């Protein structure tokens, strides 16, 4: 059986034409409404003579100091100063003494645990790392011939091989600072010492602020017997975590976002003694309320070329919890009050640091080993 269709002014065909015209008009009206909505909600933004708020990927920067202050006073449920301790701070003697001898309430993100204690094993092996090519700081490093060791407030360089020639070649004394971990460059001619410097009040009060600074010292160790300090970078806040990729040290510093007497306390950086304040327009954020806010600053420092100025990106986040780093991305997690975990992905390439994505998952991750990256996908295991 064959069906034949006649093209002409058939009554059914006229009805189809009328409906087609009607649908076309409706589609045009919907398109106009859609463009208007996109314009009003920011999805479509034509060129404007006004300067837009600076942005970095998914985040916007504050346009002024007043905007930052208003954001903190409006969205932070904890007002005024509070004591925040990072993983490395908790195990420092004076800090532990303060916590044991007083009734101080201090803030740490759920899942944030004290820094682990390490057993010293003088074997020729690299640091146990999670991702190939992404070195992790430790208190002991070796290149098979020399051992680099953090002990107390000192860093030692030892001749380890051959055994009959074993000896201490040099000692770097840091006096009033606390070295936490170290990196050694692949060519073994640069040593990076990461640590913290604390300033304690004379008396222990229930409400007080510990002045904490994180430092990175780069030493030229081409002559292992005479290390030479090449550069010092110091930043206000507590040391959180770090990695090294192709000679670049990426480290993260956390500092509470205080508003004291209507004054915002912003992070400060010191490069070889020269101070630079992080301005409000350099702080990136997303619109959200939290129990408290932290300035989380990611710094990139070139170990091999100290003439290259360090770069940084400061994000206003909640309390950092864990960090996973691949060859191209830093993932920082922090817990939400609703039992979920927010994840930020920060793109890194040499000295370039760019926040690119934000996501949220139910539950909490255990630590960095609950996360990984595979075939351009990020994977995380959480528990509730």
Protein backbone atom coordinates (compact mmCIF):
# COMPACT_ATOMS: atom_id res chain seq x y z
CA UNK A 1 0.00 0.00 0.00
CA UNK A 2 1.32 3.42 -0.92
CA UNK A 3 0.35 6.72 0.64
CA UNK A 4 0.20 9.84 -1.50
CA UNK A 5 0.39 13.44 -0.14
CA UNK A 6 -0.86 16.43 -2.12
CA UNK A 7 0.89 19.75 -1.58
CA UNK A 8 -1.70 22.49 -1.86
CA UNK A 9 -4.29 24.42 0.12
CA UNK A 10 -5.71 21.40 1.92
CA UNK A 11 -7.65 22.41 5.11
CA UNK A 12 -5.35 20.27 7.32
CA UNK A 13 -2.31 21.88 5.75
CA UNK A 14 -3.68 25.37 6.40
CA UNK A 15 -4.09 24.48 10.10
CA UNK A 16 -0.51 23.29 10.25
CA UNK A 17 0.69 26.55 8.71
CA UNK A 18 -1.27 28.59 11.26
CA UNK A 19 0.16 26.59 14.18
CA UNK A 20 3.67 26.89 12.75
CA UNK A 21 3.32 30.68 12.57
CA UNK A 22 2.00 30.76 16.13
CA UNK A 23 4.88 28.61 17.39
CA UNK A 24 7.35 30.90 15.63
CA UNK A 25 5.91 33.97 17.37
CA UNK A 26 5.99 32.21 20.75
CA UNK A 27 9.59 31.09 20.18
CA UNK A 28 10.62 34.64 19.33
CA UNK A 29 8.96 35.99 22.49
CA UNK A 30 10.65 33.30 24.60
CA UNK A 31 14.00 34.19 23.09
CA UNK A 32 13.52 37.85 24.01
CA UNK A 33 12.50 36.92 27.57
CA UNK A 34 15.49 34.55 27.90
CA UNK A 35 17.97 37.22 26.79
CA UNK A 36 16.43 39.67 29.25
CA UNK A 37 16.72 37.18 32.11
CA UNK A 38 20.32 36.33 31.20
CA UNK A 39 21.13 40.03 31.12
CA UNK A 40 19.53 40.72 34.50
CA UNK A 41 21.14 37.72 36.25
CA UNK A 42 24.58 38.22 34.80
CA UNK A 43 24.77 35.30 32.36
CA UNK A 44 25.06 37.82 29.56
CA UNK A 45 27.18 40.84 30.10
CA UNK A 46 27.75 43.34 27.30
CA UNK A 47 30.64 45.72 27.38
CA UNK A 48 30.20 48.46 29.94
CA UNK A 49 32.19 51.62 30.60
CA UNK A 50 32.31 50.62 34.28
CA UNK A 51 35.23 48.53 35.51
CA UNK A 52 34.03 45.02 36.47
CA UNK A 53 34.99 43.37 39.74
CA UNK A 54 38.25 41.44 39.22
CA UNK A 55 37.73 37.71 39.00
CA UNK A 56 39.82 34.57 39.06
CA UNK A 57 37.99 31.68 37.47
CA UNK A 58 34.97 30.89 39.67
CA UNK A 59 35.65 33.58 42.29
CA UNK A 60 35.32 37.35 42.42
CA UNK A 61 37.57 39.76 44.25
CA UNK A 62 36.31 42.35 46.69
CA UNK A 63 36.02 45.76 45.10
CA UNK A 64 37.02 47.65 48.25
CA UNK A 65 38.15 47.35 51.84
CA UNK A 66 34.65 48.35 53.00
CA UNK A 67 33.05 45.56 50.96
CA UNK A 68 35.36 42.98 52.57
CA UNK A 69 34.62 44.31 56.07
CA UNK A 70 30.87 44.30 55.47
CA UNK A 71 31.02 40.76 54.08
CA UNK A 72 32.82 39.44 57.16
CA UNK A 73 30.56 41.17 59.67
CA UNK A 74 27.42 40.04 57.81
CA UNK A 75 28.30 36.44 56.87
CA UNK A 76 30.57 35.23 59.68
CA UNK A 77 28.75 33.72 62.65
CA UNK A 78 31.88 34.06 64.82
CA UNK A 79 32.76 37.71 65.31
CA UNK A 80 36.00 39.06 66.74
CA UNK A 81 39.29 37.23 67.34
CA UNK A 82 39.48 33.47 67.81
CA UNK A 83 42.42 31.13 68.13
CA UNK A 84 43.09 29.01 65.04
CA UNK A 85 45.74 26.30 65.10
CA UNK A 86 47.03 24.52 62.04
CA UNK A 87 48.39 20.94 61.94
CA UNK A 88 51.95 22.05 62.72
CA UNK A 89 51.00 24.54 65.45
CA UNK A 90 49.30 21.99 67.71
CA UNK A 91 52.52 20.06 68.36
CA UNK A 92 54.65 23.09 69.23
CA UNK A 93 55.66 22.93 72.89
CA UNK A 94 54.45 26.37 74.08
CA UNK A 95 51.15 25.97 72.19
CA UNK A 96 50.53 22.53 73.71
CA UNK A 97 51.35 23.95 77.16
CA UNK A 98 48.82 26.73 76.67
CA UNK A 99 46.11 24.30 75.63
CA UNK A 100 46.82 21.97 78.55
CA UNK A 101 46.98 24.72 81.18
CA UNK A 102 43.92 26.73 80.18
CA UNK A 103 40.31 26.39 79.08
CA UNK A 104 40.90 27.85 75.64
CA UNK A 105 38.47 27.13 72.84
CA UNK A 106 40.29 27.00 69.54
CA UNK A 107 39.06 26.43 66.00
CA UNK A 108 40.14 23.59 63.76
CA UNK A 109 38.25 22.23 60.81
CA UNK A 110 36.66 18.81 61.36
CA UNK A 111 39.06 16.24 59.98
CA UNK A 112 42.09 18.43 60.71
CA UNK A 113 44.46 16.30 62.76
CA UNK A 114 47.74 17.16 64.50
CA UNK A 115 50.91 16.84 62.48
CA UNK A 116 52.10 13.23 62.44
CA UNK A 117 55.22 12.13 64.26
CA UNK A 118 57.81 10.55 62.03
CA UNK A 119 60.23 7.74 62.68
CA UNK A 120 63.73 8.45 61.42
CA UNK A 121 64.81 5.77 58.99
CA UNK A 122 68.20 6.35 57.46
CA UNK A 123 67.62 4.40 54.28
CA UNK A 124 68.20 5.34 50.70
CA UNK A 125 64.60 5.90 49.64
CA UNK A 126 62.58 8.85 48.46
CA UNK A 127 59.81 10.38 50.54
CA UNK A 128 56.64 8.29 50.37
CA UNK A 129 54.58 10.41 47.97
CA UNK A 130 51.03 10.06 46.72
CA UNK A 131 51.50 11.28 43.12
CA UNK A 132 54.56 10.62 40.96
CA UNK A 133 56.32 13.89 40.20
CA UNK A 134 54.67 15.72 43.12
CA UNK A 135 57.15 15.80 45.99
CA UNK A 136 55.92 16.12 49.57
CA UNK A 137 57.85 17.84 52.33
CA UNK A 138 59.28 15.75 55.19
CA UNK A 139 61.63 16.08 58.17
CA UNK A 140 64.15 13.72 56.52
CA UNK A 141 65.35 13.82 52.92
CA UNK A 142 68.15 11.94 51.20
CA UNK A 143 69.69 11.78 47.76
CA UNK A 144 71.57 8.55 48.47
CA UNK A 145 74.79 10.29 49.41
CA UNK A 146 73.63 12.98 51.83
CA UNK A 147 70.92 13.14 54.49
CA UNK A 148 69.06 16.36 55.30
CA UNK A 149 67.42 16.26 58.73
CA UNK A 150 65.20 18.53 60.83
CA UNK A 151 65.93 18.20 64.54
CA UNK A 152 64.51 20.69 67.03
CA UNK A 153 65.29 24.19 65.80
CA UNK A 154 68.16 22.95 63.62
CA UNK A 155 68.59 21.46 60.16
CA UNK A 156 71.56 19.12 59.67
CA UNK A 157 73.33 18.05 56.50
CA UNK A 158 75.11 14.73 56.90
CA UNK A 159 77.46 12.75 54.71
CA UNK A 160 75.82 9.30 54.66
CA UNK A 161 77.60 7.28 51.97
CA UNK A 162 79.99 5.57 51.95
CA UNK A 163 79.41 4.55 55.57
CA UNK A 164 83.06 4.89 56.60
CA UNK A 165 82.93 8.58 55.64
CA UNK A 166 79.71 9.37 57.53
CA UNK A 167 79.82 12.69 59.37
CA UNK A 168 77.87 15.87 60.09
CA UNK A 169 78.90 18.42 57.47
CA UNK A 170 76.89 21.44 58.60
CA UNK A 171 74.17 22.65 60.93
CA UNK A 172 71.67 25.41 60.14
CA UNK A 173 70.50 27.00 63.40
CA UNK A 174 67.14 28.78 63.22
CA UNK A 175 67.03 30.00 66.86
CA UNK A 176 63.57 31.51 67.53
CA UNK A 177 61.82 29.77 64.63
CA UNK A 178 60.45 26.25 64.35
CA UNK A 179 61.35 24.33 61.18
CA UNK A 180 58.57 21.94 60.22
CA UNK A 181 59.56 20.24 56.95
CA UNK A 182 62.06 20.48 54.11
CA UNK A 183 62.42 20.05 50.36
CA UNK A 184 65.64 19.29 48.47
CA UNK A 185 65.88 20.13 44.78
CA UNK A 186 66.49 17.34 42.30
CA UNK A 187 70.06 18.49 41.67
CA UNK A 188 70.66 18.71 45.45
CA UNK A 189 71.94 22.27 45.23
CA UNK A 190 68.92 23.95 46.86
CA UNK A 191 67.33 23.31 50.24
CA UNK A 192 63.94 24.75 51.24
CA UNK A 193 63.13 24.90 54.95
CA UNK A 194 59.48 25.52 55.84
CA UNK A 195 58.41 26.41 59.34
CA UNK A 196 56.67 28.78 61.72
CA UNK A 197 57.60 31.59 64.04
CA UNK A 198 55.49 32.25 67.14
CA UNK A 199 55.11 35.24 69.40
CA UNK A 200 53.46 34.39 72.71
CA UNK A 201 51.91 36.77 75.24
CA UNK A 202 53.64 37.09 78.60
CA UNK A 203 50.53 35.92 80.46
CA UNK A 204 48.06 33.24 79.46
CA UNK A 205 44.60 34.69 78.99
CA UNK A 206 41.44 32.93 77.92
CA UNK A 207 41.04 35.20 74.89
CA UNK A 208 44.28 36.03 73.18
CA UNK A 209 45.89 35.96 69.76
CA UNK A 210 49.09 34.10 69.01
CA UNK A 211 51.16 35.92 66.41
CA UNK A 212 51.99 33.14 63.93
CA UNK A 213 54.06 33.54 60.78
CA UNK A 214 55.00 30.90 58.20
CA UNK A 215 58.41 31.12 56.56
CA UNK A 216 60.30 29.48 53.71
CA UNK A 217 64.07 29.78 53.64
CA UNK A 218 65.91 28.81 50.46
CA UNK A 219 69.57 27.80 50.93
CA UNK A 220 72.29 27.29 48.35
CA UNK A 221 73.83 23.95 49.36
CA UNK A 222 76.14 23.40 46.41
CA UNK A 223 78.79 23.39 49.14
CA UNK A 224 77.24 21.05 51.72
CA UNK A 225 79.64 22.22 54.41
CA UNK A 226 78.63 25.87 54.05
CA UNK A 227 74.93 26.41 53.28
CA UNK A 228 74.16 29.97 52.21
CA UNK A 229 70.76 31.60 52.77
CA UNK A 230 69.59 32.81 49.35
CA UNK A 231 66.11 34.12 50.09
CA UNK A 232 63.50 34.31 52.83
CA UNK A 233 59.75 34.51 52.31
CA UNK A 234 57.55 34.99 55.36
CA UNK A 235 53.77 35.33 55.61
CA UNK A 236 51.36 35.87 58.47
CA UNK A 237 49.32 32.78 59.31
CA UNK A 238 49.78 29.08 60.07
CA UNK A 239 51.50 26.60 57.78
CA UNK A 240 48.94 24.17 56.35
CA UNK A 241 50.55 22.05 53.64
CA UNK A 242 52.95 22.08 50.69
CA UNK A 243 54.16 20.29 47.56
CA UNK A 244 57.03 20.69 45.07
CA UNK A 245 56.67 20.24 41.29
CA UNK A 246 59.54 20.83 38.84
CA UNK A 247 61.43 23.06 41.26
CA UNK A 248 58.39 25.12 42.30
CA UNK A 249 57.36 24.92 45.94
CA UNK A 250 53.62 25.41 46.44
CA UNK A 251 52.63 25.98 50.05
CA UNK A 252 49.38 26.96 51.73
CA UNK A 253 49.03 29.35 54.67
CA UNK A 254 45.84 29.88 56.71
CA UNK A 255 45.05 33.01 58.72
CA UNK A 256 41.83 33.87 60.59
CA UNK A 257 39.78 36.67 59.03
CA UNK A 258 39.50 39.05 61.98
CA UNK A 259 37.47 42.23 62.27
CA UNK A 260 38.66 44.04 65.40
CA UNK A 261 37.25 47.48 66.25
CA UNK A 262 35.85 47.68 62.71
CA UNK A 263 39.34 47.03 61.33
CA UNK A 264 39.99 44.09 58.99
CA UNK A 265 43.25 42.26 59.71
CA UNK A 266 44.65 41.32 56.29
CA UNK A 267 47.55 38.94 55.51
CA UNK A 268 51.04 40.37 55.19
CA UNK A 269 54.03 39.05 53.26
CA UNK A 270 57.74 39.68 53.71
CA UNK A 271 60.30 38.97 50.99
CA UNK A 272 63.83 39.32 52.35
CA UNK A 273 62.53 41.75 54.95
CA UNK A 274 60.46 43.92 52.61
CA UNK A 275 56.80 43.96 53.64
CA UNK A 276 53.80 43.84 51.34
CA UNK A 277 50.20 43.84 52.54
CA UNK A 278 47.57 41.79 50.73
CA UNK A 279 44.91 44.30 49.70
CA UNK A 280 41.17 43.66 49.85
CA UNK A 281 41.03 43.71 46.03
CA UNK A 282 43.42 40.72 46.02
CA UNK A 283 41.13 38.56 48.15
CA UNK A 284 38.82 36.23 46.19
CA UNK A 285 35.57 34.86 47.61
CA UNK A 286 32.20 33.25 46.89
CA UNK A 287 28.93 34.39 48.42
CA UNK A 288 28.36 32.11 51.40
CA UNK A 289 27.95 32.27 55.17
CA UNK A 290 30.05 30.19 57.54
CA UNK A 291 30.88 29.76 61.23
CA UNK A 292 34.15 31.59 60.60
CA UNK A 293 36.34 32.57 57.65
CA UNK A 294 40.01 32.02 56.91
CA UNK A 295 42.36 33.64 54.43
CA UNK A 296 43.78 30.64 52.57
CA UNK A 297 46.81 31.76 50.57
CA UNK A 298 48.53 29.58 47.97
CA UNK A 299 52.11 30.67 47.24
CA UNK A 300 54.34 29.52 44.37
CA UNK A 301 58.09 29.92 44.92
CA UNK A 302 60.80 28.96 42.41
CA UNK A 303 63.59 27.17 44.29
CA UNK A 304 66.00 27.19 41.37
CA UNK A 305 65.54 30.81 40.32
CA UNK A 306 65.37 33.01 43.40
CA UNK A 307 65.29 36.11 41.20
CA UNK A 308 61.75 35.14 40.19
CA UNK A 309 59.38 36.86 42.60
CA UNK A 310 56.97 34.50 44.41
CA UNK A 311 53.33 34.62 43.30
CA UNK A 312 50.29 34.13 45.48
CA UNK A 313 46.50 33.88 45.46
CA UNK A 314 44.42 34.55 48.59
CA UNK A 315 40.96 32.96 48.95
CA UNK A 316 38.43 33.67 51.68
CA UNK A 317 37.27 30.17 52.70
CA UNK A 318 36.14 28.25 55.75
CA UNK A 319 38.58 26.15 57.75
CA UNK A 320 40.81 24.09 55.47
CA UNK A 321 40.67 20.34 56.10
CA UNK A 322 42.72 18.34 53.55
CA UNK A 323 44.76 18.95 50.40
CA UNK A 324 45.42 16.75 47.39
CA UNK A 325 47.78 17.84 44.61
CA UNK A 326 48.20 16.43 41.11
CA UNK A 327 50.70 17.62 38.51
CA UNK A 328 48.33 20.38 37.41
CA UNK A 329 45.84 21.03 40.21
CA UNK A 330 45.58 21.70 43.92
CA UNK A 331 42.37 20.47 45.57
CA UNK A 332 41.56 22.03 48.95
CA UNK A 333 38.61 20.79 50.98
CA UNK A 334 36.81 22.38 53.87
CA UNK A 335 33.79 21.17 55.85
CA UNK A 336 30.42 22.88 55.74
CA UNK A 337 28.14 23.20 58.80
CA UNK A 338 25.50 21.06 57.02
CA UNK A 339 27.75 17.98 57.04
CA UNK A 340 28.90 18.39 53.45
CA UNK A 341 32.37 19.09 52.10
CA UNK A 342 33.22 21.88 49.67
CA UNK A 343 36.12 21.34 47.27
CA UNK A 344 38.09 24.01 45.42
CA UNK A 345 40.23 23.14 42.42
CA UNK A 346 43.14 25.52 41.84
CA UNK A 347 45.08 25.24 38.60
CA UNK A 348 48.87 25.50 38.93
CA UNK A 349 51.43 25.88 36.18
CA UNK A 350 54.85 27.11 37.26
CA UNK A 351 54.14 30.47 38.93
CA UNK A 352 50.53 30.74 37.67
CA UNK A 353 47.81 30.05 40.26
CA UNK A 354 44.17 30.08 39.07
CA UNK A 355 41.07 28.94 41.01
CA UNK A 356 38.96 27.19 38.35
CA UNK A 357 36.22 25.06 39.92
CA UNK A 358 34.14 24.57 43.05
CA UNK A 359 32.03 21.57 44.04
CA UNK A 360 30.25 20.08 47.05
CA UNK A 361 29.78 16.48 48.14
CA UNK A 362 27.92 14.88 51.07
CA UNK A 363 30.00 13.68 54.02
CA UNK A 364 33.61 14.26 55.06
CA UNK A 365 36.86 12.92 53.64
CA UNK A 366 39.35 11.21 55.97
CA UNK A 367 42.57 12.75 54.61
CA UNK A 368 44.46 13.43 51.38
CA UNK A 369 44.46 9.72 50.51
CA UNK A 370 40.67 9.87 50.21
CA UNK A 371 41.17 11.87 47.01
CA UNK A 372 42.81 11.41 43.64
CA UNK A 373 42.70 12.51 40.00
CA UNK A 374 42.32 10.04 37.13
CA UNK A 375 41.77 10.67 33.40
CA UNK A 376 40.77 14.33 33.98
CA UNK A 377 38.31 13.33 36.71
CA UNK A 378 38.55 14.12 40.41
CA UNK A 379 37.52 11.32 42.77
CA UNK A 380 36.81 11.59 46.50
CA UNK A 381 35.61 9.10 49.14
CA UNK A 382 33.62 10.51 52.06
CA UNK A 383 31.75 9.16 55.07
CA UNK A 384 28.70 10.47 56.91
